[in-house]
PDB file of N, CA and C in Angstrom:
ATOM      1  N   UNK A   1      27.252  18.699 -87.433  1.00  0.00           N
ATOM      2  CA  UNK A   1      26.309  18.960 -88.484  1.00  0.00           C
ATOM      3  C   UNK A   1      25.551  20.264 -88.255  1.00  0.00           C
ATOM      4  N   UNK A   2      25.769  20.896 -87.139  1.00  0.00           N
ATOM      5  CA  UNK A   2      25.114  22.178 -86.913  1.00  0.00           C
ATOM      6  C   UNK A   2      23.642  22.019 -86.582  1.00  0.00           C
ATOM      7  N   UNK A   3      22.909  23.100 -86.782  1.00  0.00           N
ATOM      8  CA  UNK A   3      21.497  23.129 -86.418  1.00  0.00           C
ATOM      9  C   UNK A   3      20.640  22.224 -87.297  1.00  0.00           C
ATOM     10  N   UNK A   4      21.125  21.877 -88.470  1.00  0.00           N
ATOM     11  CA  UNK A   4      20.355  21.024 -89.363  1.00  0.00           C
ATOM     12  C   UNK A   4      20.628  19.548 -89.127  1.00  0.00           C
ATOM     13  N   UNK A   5      21.458  19.232 -88.159  1.00  0.00           N
ATOM     14  CA  UNK A   5      21.800  17.853 -87.886  1.00  0.00           C
ATOM     15  C   UNK A   5      20.669  17.103 -87.223  1.00  0.00           C
ATOM     16  N   UNK A   6      20.853  15.814 -87.140  1.00  0.00           N
ATOM     17  CA  UNK A   6      19.857  14.959 -86.502  1.00  0.00           C
ATOM     18  C   UNK A   6      20.546  14.096 -85.463  1.00  0.00           C
ATOM     19  N   UNK A   7      19.784  13.705 -84.472  1.00  0.00           N
ATOM     20  CA  UNK A   7      20.295  12.811 -83.452  1.00  0.00           C
ATOM     21  C   UNK A   7      20.225  11.366 -83.901  1.00  0.00           C
ATOM     22  N   UNK A   8      20.798  10.491 -83.088  1.00  0.00           N
ATOM     23  CA  UNK A   8      20.851   9.073 -83.443  1.00  0.00           C
ATOM     24  C   UNK A   8      19.456   8.480 -83.637  1.00  0.00           C
ATOM     25  N   UNK A   9      18.537   8.755 -82.702  1.00  0.00           N
ATOM     26  CA  UNK A   9      17.203   8.178 -82.832  1.00  0.00           C
ATOM     27  C   UNK A   9      16.471   8.756 -84.038  1.00  0.00           C
ATOM     28  N   UNK A  10      16.659  10.038 -84.298  1.00  0.00           N
ATOM     29  CA  UNK A  10      16.053  10.637 -85.483  1.00  0.00           C
ATOM     30  C   UNK A  10      16.584   9.970 -86.755  1.00  0.00           C
ATOM     31  N   UNK A  11      17.870   9.683 -86.769  1.00  0.00           N
ATOM     32  CA  UNK A  11      18.464   9.003 -87.917  1.00  0.00           C
ATOM     33  C   UNK A  11      17.824   7.626 -88.112  1.00  0.00           C
ATOM     34  N   UNK A  12      17.664   6.889 -87.027  1.00  0.00           N
ATOM     35  CA  UNK A  12      17.052   5.562 -87.120  1.00  0.00           C
ATOM     36  C   UNK A  12      15.615   5.650 -87.627  1.00  0.00           C
ATOM     37  N   UNK A  13      14.854   6.634 -87.149  1.00  0.00           N
ATOM     38  CA  UNK A  13      13.473   6.791 -87.593  1.00  0.00           C
ATOM     39  C   UNK A  13      13.435   7.143 -89.075  1.00  0.00           C
ATOM     40  N   UNK A  14      14.301   8.057 -89.523  1.00  0.00           N
ATOM     41  CA  UNK A  14      14.360   8.396 -90.945  1.00  0.00           C
ATOM     42  C   UNK A  14      14.699   7.172 -91.789  1.00  0.00           C
ATOM     43  N   UNK A  15      15.666   6.396 -91.343  1.00  0.00           N
ATOM     44  CA  UNK A  15      16.038   5.187 -92.075  1.00  0.00           C
ATOM     45  C   UNK A  15      14.884   4.197 -92.133  1.00  0.00           C
ATOM     46  N   UNK A  16      14.158   4.056 -91.026  1.00  0.00           N
ATOM     47  CA  UNK A  16      13.015   3.137 -90.996  1.00  0.00           C
ATOM     48  C   UNK A  16      11.928   3.596 -91.961  1.00  0.00           C
ATOM     49  N   UNK A  17      11.621   4.882 -91.968  1.00  0.00           N
ATOM     50  CA  UNK A  17      10.600   5.405 -92.882  1.00  0.00           C
ATOM     51  C   UNK A  17      11.034   5.160 -94.327  1.00  0.00           C
ATOM     52  N   UNK A  18      12.304   5.408 -94.628  1.00  0.00           N
ATOM     53  CA  UNK A  18      12.802   5.183 -95.984  1.00  0.00           C
ATOM     54  C   UNK A  18      12.696   3.697 -96.347  1.00  0.00           C
ATOM     55  N   UNK A  19      13.033   2.824 -95.413  1.00  0.00           N
ATOM     56  CA  UNK A  19      12.969   1.382 -95.672  1.00  0.00           C
ATOM     57  C   UNK A  19      11.532   0.917 -95.887  1.00  0.00           C
ATOM     58  N   UNK A  20      10.594   1.526 -95.195  1.00  0.00           N
ATOM     59  CA  UNK A  20       9.187   1.137 -95.316  1.00  0.00           C
ATOM     60  C   UNK A  20       8.557   1.643 -96.618  1.00  0.00           C
ATOM     61  N   UNK A  21       9.212   2.584 -97.278  1.00  0.00           N
ATOM     62  CA  UNK A  21       8.870   3.020 -98.630  1.00  0.00           C
ATOM     63  C   UNK A  21       7.376   3.230 -98.863  1.00  0.00           C
ATOM     64  N   UNK A  22       6.808   4.146 -98.099  1.00  0.00           N
ATOM     65  CA  UNK A  22       5.410   4.499 -98.301  1.00  0.00           C
ATOM     66  C   UNK A  22       4.435   3.815 -97.365  1.00  0.00           C
ATOM     67  N   UNK A  23       4.897   2.820 -96.626  1.00  0.00           N
ATOM     68  CA  UNK A  23       3.997   2.140 -95.693  1.00  0.00           C
ATOM     69  C   UNK A  23       4.386   2.415 -94.242  1.00  0.00           C
ATOM     70  N   UNK A  24       5.068   3.545 -94.024  1.00  0.00           N
ATOM     71  CA  UNK A  24       5.524   3.883 -92.686  1.00  0.00           C
ATOM     72  C   UNK A  24       4.533   4.742 -91.918  1.00  0.00           C
ATOM     73  N   UNK A  25       4.062   4.224 -90.816  1.00  0.00           N
ATOM     74  CA  UNK A  25       3.285   5.007 -89.850  1.00  0.00           C
ATOM     75  C   UNK A  25       3.789   4.606 -88.481  1.00  0.00           C
ATOM     76  N   UNK A  26       3.306   5.246 -87.446  1.00  0.00           N
ATOM     77  CA  UNK A  26       3.872   5.061 -86.113  1.00  0.00           C
ATOM     78  C   UNK A  26       4.168   3.625 -85.736  1.00  0.00           C
ATOM     79  N   UNK A  27       3.198   2.750 -85.871  1.00  0.00           N
ATOM     80  CA  UNK A  27       3.355   1.362 -85.442  1.00  0.00           C
ATOM     81  C   UNK A  27       4.366   0.599 -86.297  1.00  0.00           C
ATOM     82  N   UNK A  28       4.322   0.774 -87.624  1.00  0.00           N
ATOM     83  CA  UNK A  28       5.271   0.040 -88.470  1.00  0.00           C
ATOM     84  C   UNK A  28       6.699   0.530 -88.260  1.00  0.00           C
ATOM     85  N   UNK A  29       6.852   1.837 -88.027  1.00  0.00           N
ATOM     86  CA  UNK A  29       8.190   2.374 -87.751  1.00  0.00           C
ATOM     87  C   UNK A  29       8.709   1.811 -86.434  1.00  0.00           C
ATOM     88  N   UNK A  30       7.880   1.844 -85.394  1.00  0.00           N
ATOM     89  CA  UNK A  30       8.293   1.308 -84.094  1.00  0.00           C
ATOM     90  C   UNK A  30       8.659  -0.173 -84.197  1.00  0.00           C
ATOM     91  N   UNK A  31       7.856  -0.954 -84.901  1.00  0.00           N
ATOM     92  CA  UNK A  31       8.124  -2.386 -85.035  1.00  0.00           C
ATOM     93  C   UNK A  31       9.421  -2.652 -85.792  1.00  0.00           C
ATOM     94  N   UNK A  32       9.676  -1.881 -86.845  1.00  0.00           N
ATOM     95  CA  UNK A  32      10.913  -2.056 -87.605  1.00  0.00           C
ATOM     96  C   UNK A  32      12.130  -1.704 -86.753  1.00  0.00           C
ATOM     97  N   UNK A  33      12.022  -0.653 -85.961  1.00  0.00           N
ATOM     98  CA  UNK A  33      13.133  -0.282 -85.078  1.00  0.00           C
ATOM     99  C   UNK A  33      13.418  -1.383 -84.070  1.00  0.00           C
ATOM    100  N   UNK A  34      12.374  -2.016 -83.575  1.00  0.00           N
ATOM    101  CA  UNK A  34      12.556  -3.106 -82.618  1.00  0.00           C
ATOM    102  C   UNK A  34      13.198  -4.317 -83.291  1.00  0.00           C
ATOM    103  N   UNK A  35      12.690  -4.676 -84.474  1.00  0.00           N
ATOM    104  CA  UNK A  35      13.189  -5.858 -85.179  1.00  0.00           C
ATOM    105  C   UNK A  35      14.614  -5.686 -85.701  1.00  0.00           C
ATOM    106  N   UNK A  36      14.884  -4.570 -86.336  1.00  0.00           N
ATOM    107  CA  UNK A  36      16.148  -4.398 -87.052  1.00  0.00           C
ATOM    108  C   UNK A  36      17.228  -3.664 -86.268  1.00  0.00           C
ATOM    109  N   UNK A  37      16.836  -2.800 -85.350  1.00  0.00           N
ATOM    110  CA  UNK A  37      17.834  -2.024 -84.599  1.00  0.00           C
ATOM    111  C   UNK A  37      17.900  -2.442 -83.139  1.00  0.00           C
ATOM    112  N   UNK A  38      17.012  -3.351 -82.740  1.00  0.00           N
ATOM    113  CA  UNK A  38      17.011  -3.787 -81.346  1.00  0.00           C
ATOM    114  C   UNK A  38      16.608  -2.685 -80.388  1.00  0.00           C
ATOM    115  N   UNK A  39      15.853  -1.709 -80.871  1.00  0.00           N
ATOM    116  CA  UNK A  39      15.426  -0.579 -80.044  1.00  0.00           C
ATOM    117  C   UNK A  39      13.970  -0.753 -79.662  1.00  0.00           C
ATOM    118  N   UNK A  40      13.711  -0.863 -78.387  1.00  0.00           N
ATOM    119  CA  UNK A  40      12.348  -0.954 -77.892  1.00  0.00           C
ATOM    120  C   UNK A  40      11.946   0.430 -77.404  1.00  0.00           C
ATOM    121  N   UNK A  41      11.090   1.074 -78.166  1.00  0.00           N
ATOM    122  CA  UNK A  41      10.674   2.440 -77.840  1.00  0.00           C
ATOM    123  C   UNK A  41       9.161   2.507 -77.783  1.00  0.00           C
ATOM    124  N   UNK A  42       8.680   3.486 -77.063  1.00  0.00           N
ATOM    125  CA  UNK A  42       7.231   3.648 -76.957  1.00  0.00           C
ATOM    126  C   UNK A  42       6.673   4.210 -78.261  1.00  0.00           C
ATOM    127  N   UNK A  43       5.412   3.948 -78.470  1.00  0.00           N
ATOM    128  CA  UNK A  43       4.735   4.485 -79.642  1.00  0.00           C
ATOM    129  C   UNK A  43       4.694   6.016 -79.562  1.00  0.00           C
ATOM    130  N   UNK A  44       4.543   6.551 -78.356  1.00  0.00           N
ATOM    131  CA  UNK A  44       4.525   8.000 -78.174  1.00  0.00           C
ATOM    132  C   UNK A  44       5.840   8.645 -78.593  1.00  0.00           C
ATOM    133  N   UNK A  45       6.963   8.028 -78.219  1.00  0.00           N
ATOM    134  CA  UNK A  45       8.275   8.561 -78.609  1.00  0.00           C
ATOM    135  C   UNK A  45       8.460   8.475 -80.119  1.00  0.00           C
ATOM    136  N   UNK A  46       7.947   7.412 -80.709  1.00  0.00           N
ATOM    137  CA  UNK A  46       8.041   7.248 -82.161  1.00  0.00           C
ATOM    138  C   UNK A  46       7.236   8.344 -82.856  1.00  0.00           C
ATOM    139  N   UNK A  47       5.994   8.556 -82.408  1.00  0.00           N
ATOM    140  CA  UNK A  47       5.161   9.602 -83.010  1.00  0.00           C
ATOM    141  C   UNK A  47       5.787  10.983 -82.832  1.00  0.00           C
ATOM    142  N   UNK A  48       6.285  11.274 -81.656  1.00  0.00           N
ATOM    143  CA  UNK A  48       6.899  12.581 -81.407  1.00  0.00           C
ATOM    144  C   UNK A  48       8.064  12.823 -82.358  1.00  0.00           C
ATOM    145  N   UNK A  49       8.853  11.796 -82.593  1.00  0.00           N
ATOM    146  CA  UNK A  49      10.001  11.927 -83.487  1.00  0.00           C
ATOM    147  C   UNK A  49       9.553  12.073 -84.935  1.00  0.00           C
ATOM    148  N   UNK A  50       8.542  11.317 -85.344  1.00  0.00           N
ATOM    149  CA  UNK A  50       8.016  11.459 -86.703  1.00  0.00           C
ATOM    150  C   UNK A  50       7.533  12.888 -86.950  1.00  0.00           C
ATOM    151  N   UNK A  51       6.788  13.444 -86.013  1.00  0.00           N
ATOM    152  CA  UNK A  51       6.271  14.812 -86.171  1.00  0.00           C
ATOM    153  C   UNK A  51       7.395  15.842 -86.154  1.00  0.00           C
ATOM    154  N   UNK A  52       8.395  15.621 -85.298  1.00  0.00           N
ATOM    155  CA  UNK A  52       9.534  16.550 -85.243  1.00  0.00           C
ATOM    156  C   UNK A  52      10.292  16.535 -86.572  1.00  0.00           C
ATOM    157  N   UNK A  53      10.490  15.342 -87.139  1.00  0.00           N
ATOM    158  CA  UNK A  53      11.182  15.243 -88.421  1.00  0.00           C
ATOM    159  C   UNK A  53      10.351  15.856 -89.551  1.00  0.00           C
ATOM    160  N   UNK A  54       9.046  15.749 -89.434  1.00  0.00           N
ATOM    161  CA  UNK A  54       8.180  16.404 -90.421  1.00  0.00           C
ATOM    162  C   UNK A  54       8.297  17.918 -90.288  1.00  0.00           C
ATOM    163  N   UNK A  55       8.321  18.429 -89.064  1.00  0.00           N
ATOM    164  CA  UNK A  55       8.483  19.868 -88.841  1.00  0.00           C
ATOM    165  C   UNK A  55       9.807  20.381 -89.407  1.00  0.00           C
ATOM    166  N   UNK A  56      10.834  19.539 -89.355  1.00  0.00           N
ATOM    167  CA  UNK A  56      12.144  19.918 -89.892  1.00  0.00           C
ATOM    168  C   UNK A  56      12.192  19.811 -91.414  1.00  0.00           C
ATOM    169  N   UNK A  57      11.162  19.221 -92.025  1.00  0.00           N
ATOM    170  CA  UNK A  57      11.113  19.079 -93.471  1.00  0.00           C
ATOM    171  C   UNK A  57      11.735  17.803 -94.003  1.00  0.00           C
ATOM    172  N   UNK A  58      12.081  16.874 -93.119  1.00  0.00           N
ATOM    173  CA  UNK A  58      12.730  15.634 -93.537  1.00  0.00           C
ATOM    174  C   UNK A  58      11.728  14.532 -93.869  1.00  0.00           C
ATOM    175  N   UNK A  59      10.502  14.695 -93.420  1.00  0.00           N
ATOM    176  CA  UNK A  59       9.420  13.761 -93.720  1.00  0.00           C
ATOM    177  C   UNK A  59       8.207  14.553 -94.165  1.00  0.00           C
ATOM    178  N   UNK A  60       7.320  13.902 -94.881  1.00  0.00           N
ATOM    179  CA  UNK A  60       6.006  14.453 -95.180  1.00  0.00           C
ATOM    180  C   UNK A  60       5.003  13.350 -94.862  1.00  0.00           C
ATOM    181  N   UNK A  61       3.773  13.746 -94.587  1.00  0.00           N
ATOM    182  CA  UNK A  61       2.769  12.742 -94.235  1.00  0.00           C
ATOM    183  C   UNK A  61       1.444  13.057 -94.903  1.00  0.00           C
ATOM    184  N   UNK A  62       0.655  12.020 -95.037  1.00  0.00           N
ATOM    185  CA  UNK A  62      -0.692  12.117 -95.575  1.00  0.00           C
ATOM    186  C   UNK A  62      -1.580  11.186 -94.769  1.00  0.00           C
ATOM    187  N   UNK A  63      -2.828  11.567 -94.609  1.00  0.00           N
ATOM    188  CA  UNK A  63      -3.799  10.709 -93.931  1.00  0.00           C
ATOM    189  C   UNK A  63      -4.442   9.772 -94.939  1.00  0.00           C
ATOM    190  N   UNK A  64      -4.579   8.516 -94.546  1.00  0.00           N
ATOM    191  CA  UNK A  64      -5.275   7.545 -95.389  1.00  0.00           C
ATOM    192  C   UNK A  64      -6.761   7.620 -95.087  1.00  0.00           C
ATOM    193  N   UNK A  65      -7.549   6.914 -95.859  1.00  0.00           N
ATOM    194  CA  UNK A  65      -8.978   6.839 -95.595  1.00  0.00           C
ATOM    195  C   UNK A  65      -9.251   6.048 -94.332  1.00  0.00           C
ATOM    196  N   UNK A  66     -10.391   6.302 -93.728  1.00  0.00           N
ATOM    197  CA  UNK A  66     -10.785   5.581 -92.514  1.00  0.00           C
ATOM    198  C   UNK A  66     -11.050   4.120 -92.859  1.00  0.00           C
ATOM    199  N   UNK A  67     -10.758   3.236 -91.910  1.00  0.00           N
ATOM    200  CA  UNK A  67     -11.008   1.816 -92.138  1.00  0.00           C
ATOM    201  C   UNK A  67     -11.764   1.232 -90.956  1.00  0.00           C
ATOM    202  N   UNK A  68     -12.586   0.241 -91.247  1.00  0.00           N
ATOM    203  CA  UNK A  68     -13.362  -0.397 -90.179  1.00  0.00           C
ATOM    204  C   UNK A  68     -12.451  -1.169 -89.232  1.00  0.00           C
ATOM    205  N   UNK A  69     -11.341  -1.699 -89.748  1.00  0.00           N
ATOM    206  CA  UNK A  69     -10.422  -2.449 -88.883  1.00  0.00           C
ATOM    207  C   UNK A  69      -9.759  -1.560 -87.835  1.00  0.00           C
ATOM    208  N   UNK A  70      -9.731  -0.271 -88.071  1.00  0.00           N
ATOM    209  CA  UNK A  70      -9.155   0.678 -87.112  1.00  0.00           C
ATOM    210  C   UNK A  70     -10.242   1.470 -86.406  1.00  0.00           C
ATOM    211  N   UNK A  71     -11.451   0.959 -86.422  1.00  0.00           N
ATOM    212  CA  UNK A  71     -12.544   1.645 -85.744  1.00  0.00           C
ATOM    213  C   UNK A  71     -12.898   2.971 -86.378  1.00  0.00           C
ATOM    214  N   UNK A  72     -12.719   3.068 -87.689  1.00  0.00           N
ATOM    215  CA  UNK A  72     -13.049   4.302 -88.393  1.00  0.00           C
ATOM    216  C   UNK A  72     -11.958   5.358 -88.365  1.00  0.00           C
ATOM    217  N   UNK A  73     -10.827   5.043 -87.753  1.00  0.00           N
ATOM    218  CA  UNK A  73      -9.723   6.011 -87.692  1.00  0.00           C
ATOM    219  C   UNK A  73      -8.857   5.910 -88.936  1.00  0.00           C
ATOM    220  N   UNK A  74      -8.198   7.016 -89.245  1.00  0.00           N
ATOM    221  CA  UNK A  74      -7.295   7.062 -90.393  1.00  0.00           C
ATOM    222  C   UNK A  74      -5.851   6.927 -89.916  1.00  0.00           C
ATOM    223  N   UNK A  75      -4.972   6.482 -90.811  1.00  0.00           N
ATOM    224  CA  UNK A  75      -3.540   6.386 -90.521  1.00  0.00           C
ATOM    225  C   UNK A  75      -2.832   7.578 -91.124  1.00  0.00           C
ATOM    226  N   UNK A  76      -1.805   8.046 -90.414  1.00  0.00           N
ATOM    227  CA  UNK A  76      -0.933   9.084 -90.965  1.00  0.00           C
ATOM    228  C   UNK A  76       0.313   8.366 -91.485  1.00  0.00           C
ATOM    229  N   UNK A  77       0.441   8.325 -92.810  1.00  0.00           N
ATOM    230  CA  UNK A  77       1.558   7.639 -93.464  1.00  0.00           C
ATOM    231  C   UNK A  77       2.683   8.637 -93.740  1.00  0.00           C
ATOM    232  N   UNK A  78       3.910   8.224 -93.462  1.00  0.00           N
ATOM    233  CA  UNK A  78       5.075   9.095 -93.609  1.00  0.00           C
ATOM    234  C   UNK A  78       5.962   8.629 -94.755  1.00  0.00           C
ATOM    235  N   UNK A  79       6.531   9.597 -95.454  1.00  0.00           N
ATOM    236  CA  UNK A  79       7.509   9.360 -96.513  1.00  0.00           C
ATOM    237  C   UNK A  79       8.677  10.311 -96.315  1.00  0.00           C
ATOM    238  N   UNK A  80       9.846   9.869 -96.706  1.00  0.00           N
ATOM    239  CA  UNK A  80      11.032  10.706 -96.597  1.00  0.00           C
ATOM    240  C   UNK A  80      11.041  11.720 -97.742  1.00  0.00           C
ATOM    241  N   UNK A  81      11.539  12.911 -97.473  1.00  0.00           N
ATOM    242  CA  UNK A  81      11.644  13.973 -98.485  1.00  0.00           C
ATOM    243  C   UNK A  81      13.065  14.028 -99.025  1.00  0.00           C
ATOM    244  N   UNK A  82      13.261  14.848-100.037  1.00  0.00           N
ATOM    245  CA  UNK A  82      14.613  15.060-100.556  1.00  0.00           C
ATOM    246  C   UNK A  82      15.545  15.605 -99.488  1.00  0.00           C
ATOM    247  N   UNK A  83      15.034  16.473 -98.632  1.00  0.00           N
ATOM    248  CA  UNK A  83      15.843  17.006 -97.525  1.00  0.00           C
ATOM    249  C   UNK A  83      16.200  15.902 -96.531  1.00  0.00           C
ATOM    250  N   UNK A  84      15.280  14.981 -96.325  1.00  0.00           N
ATOM    251  CA  UNK A  84      15.546  13.844 -95.440  1.00  0.00           C
ATOM    252  C   UNK A  84      16.644  12.955 -95.982  1.00  0.00           C
ATOM    253  N   UNK A  85      16.598  12.695 -97.286  1.00  0.00           N
ATOM    254  CA  UNK A  85      17.652  11.905 -97.927  1.00  0.00           C
ATOM    255  C   UNK A  85      18.984  12.629 -97.799  1.00  0.00           C
ATOM    256  N   UNK A  86      18.973  13.936 -98.014  1.00  0.00           N
ATOM    257  CA  UNK A  86      20.209  14.723 -97.941  1.00  0.00           C
ATOM    258  C   UNK A  86      20.808  14.702 -96.545  1.00  0.00           C
ATOM    259  N   UNK A  87      19.969  14.823 -95.506  1.00  0.00           N
ATOM    260  CA  UNK A  87      20.509  14.830 -94.148  1.00  0.00           C
ATOM    261  C   UNK A  87      21.035  13.444 -93.768  1.00  0.00           C
ATOM    262  N   UNK A  88      20.402  12.382 -94.268  1.00  0.00           N
ATOM    263  CA  UNK A  88      20.934  11.031 -94.024  1.00  0.00           C
ATOM    264  C   UNK A  88      22.287  10.858 -94.710  1.00  0.00           C
ATOM    265  N   UNK A  89      22.393  11.359 -95.924  1.00  0.00           N
ATOM    266  CA  UNK A  89      23.658  11.265 -96.655  1.00  0.00           C
ATOM    267  C   UNK A  89      24.753  12.048 -95.927  1.00  0.00           C
ATOM    268  N   UNK A  90      24.438  13.255 -95.474  1.00  0.00           N
ATOM    269  CA  UNK A  90      25.424  14.076 -94.767  1.00  0.00           C
ATOM    270  C   UNK A  90      25.846  13.417 -93.453  1.00  0.00           C
ATOM    271  N   UNK A  91      24.890  12.806 -92.759  1.00  0.00           N
ATOM    272  CA  UNK A  91      25.200  12.112 -91.501  1.00  0.00           C
ATOM    273  C   UNK A  91      26.131  10.938 -91.762  1.00  0.00           C
ATOM    274  N   UNK A  92      25.831  10.157 -92.795  1.00  0.00           N
ATOM    275  CA  UNK A  92      26.680   9.006 -93.142  1.00  0.00           C
ATOM    276  C   UNK A  92      28.092   9.468 -93.498  1.00  0.00           C
ATOM    277  N   UNK A  93      28.186  10.523 -94.314  1.00  0.00           N
ATOM    278  CA  UNK A  93      29.497  11.025 -94.721  1.00  0.00           C
ATOM    279  C   UNK A  93      30.294  11.541 -93.534  1.00  0.00           C
ATOM    280  N   UNK A  94      29.627  12.208 -92.612  1.00  0.00           N
ATOM    281  CA  UNK A  94      30.292  12.704 -91.410  1.00  0.00           C
ATOM    282  C   UNK A  94      30.848  11.550 -90.586  1.00  0.00           C
ATOM    283  N   UNK A  95      30.053  10.513 -90.412  1.00  0.00           N
ATOM    284  CA  UNK A  95      30.515   9.332 -89.660  1.00  0.00           C
ATOM    285  C   UNK A  95      31.690   8.669 -90.371  1.00  0.00           C
ATOM    286  N   UNK A  96      31.619   8.574 -91.691  1.00  0.00           N
ATOM    287  CA  UNK A  96      32.708   7.953 -92.442  1.00  0.00           C
ATOM    288  C   UNK A  96      34.000   8.753 -92.321  1.00  0.00           C
ATOM    289  N   UNK A  97      33.893  10.088 -92.360  1.00  0.00           N
ATOM    290  CA  UNK A  97      35.096  10.922 -92.195  1.00  0.00           C
ATOM    291  C   UNK A  97      35.726  10.694 -90.823  1.00  0.00           C
ATOM    292  N   UNK A  98      34.886  10.633 -89.801  1.00  0.00           N
ATOM    293  CA  UNK A  98      35.419  10.398 -88.454  1.00  0.00           C
ATOM    294  C   UNK A  98      36.040   9.008 -88.335  1.00  0.00           C
ATOM    295  N   UNK A  99      35.402   8.006 -88.925  1.00  0.00           N
ATOM    296  CA  UNK A  99      35.963   6.651 -88.889  1.00  0.00           C
ATOM    297  C   UNK A  99      37.318   6.593 -89.587  1.00  0.00           C
ATOM    298  N   UNK A 100      37.481   7.358 -90.654  1.00  0.00           N
ATOM    299  CA  UNK A 100      38.739   7.335 -91.392  1.00  0.00           C
ATOM    300  C   UNK A 100      39.896   7.879 -90.555  1.00  0.00           C
ATOM    301  N   UNK A 101      39.589   8.618 -89.495  1.00  0.00           N
ATOM    302  CA  UNK A 101      40.633   9.169 -88.627  1.00  0.00           C
ATOM    303  C   UNK A 101      41.127   8.169 -87.591  1.00  0.00           C
ATOM    304  N   UNK A 102      40.394   7.065 -87.442  1.00  0.00           N
ATOM    305  CA  UNK A 102      40.763   6.065 -86.446  1.00  0.00           C
ATOM    306  C   UNK A 102      41.851   5.161 -87.040  1.00  0.00           C
ATOM    307  N   UNK A 103      42.931   5.073 -86.334  1.00  0.00           N
ATOM    308  CA  UNK A 103      44.021   4.207 -86.783  1.00  0.00           C
ATOM    309  C   UNK A 103      43.655   2.748 -86.516  1.00  0.00           C
ATOM    310  N   UNK A 104      43.698   1.942 -87.533  1.00  0.00           N
ATOM    311  CA  UNK A 104      43.418   0.531 -87.395  1.00  0.00           C
ATOM    312  C   UNK A 104      44.386  -0.179 -86.470  1.00  0.00           C
ATOM    313  N   UNK A 105      45.596   0.379 -86.328  1.00  0.00           N
ATOM    314  CA  UNK A 105      46.585  -0.222 -85.438  1.00  0.00           C
ATOM    315  C   UNK A 105      46.257   0.022 -83.977  1.00  0.00           C
ATOM    316  N   UNK A 106      45.672   1.180 -83.683  1.00  0.00           N
ATOM    317  CA  UNK A 106      45.363   1.529 -82.308  1.00  0.00           C
ATOM    318  C   UNK A 106      44.026   0.959 -81.852  1.00  0.00           C
ATOM    319  N   UNK A 107      43.026   0.985 -82.717  1.00  0.00           N
ATOM    320  CA  UNK A 107      41.685   0.536 -82.369  1.00  0.00           C
ATOM    321  C   UNK A 107      41.102  -0.306 -83.497  1.00  0.00           C
ATOM    322  N   UNK A 108      41.639  -1.500 -83.754  1.00  0.00           N
ATOM    323  CA  UNK A 108      41.168  -2.290 -84.911  1.00  0.00           C
ATOM    324  C   UNK A 108      39.671  -2.615 -84.846  1.00  0.00           C
ATOM    325  N   UNK A 109      39.126  -2.695 -83.647  1.00  0.00           N
ATOM    326  CA  UNK A 109      37.695  -3.011 -83.546  1.00  0.00           C
ATOM    327  C   UNK A 109      36.809  -1.872 -84.033  1.00  0.00           C
ATOM    328  N   UNK A 110      37.354  -0.653 -84.170  1.00  0.00           N
ATOM    329  CA  UNK A 110      36.579   0.503 -84.616  1.00  0.00           C
ATOM    330  C   UNK A 110      36.858   0.875 -86.069  1.00  0.00           C
ATOM    331  N   UNK A 111      37.939   0.371 -86.616  1.00  0.00           N
ATOM    332  CA  UNK A 111      38.338   0.771 -87.991  1.00  0.00           C
ATOM    333  C   UNK A 111      37.471   0.103 -89.033  1.00  0.00           C
TER     334      UNK A 111
END
């Protein structure tokens, strides 16, 4: 995918943010990755990846208002961008092309 490609964990984070549809922030993304992908990752690694994907233009974020339940702190909510959707689509298509090259007779468990 070249320089615009994403790694496996970045792909999972993008998918989680898209699945959360506007309610994605560090903790909800981390929890979804644990529940649905079986990935136990630190909150710090999750935040670092969210910010990196935002820097690449695949996510955008906004701060919510402060809440008493969070001790007056605000949440940074993430949403996927059109570029994020495009890179997920390109990643999926690339994987599908590679899978199509696998002979079902030689490796049926991968076909």
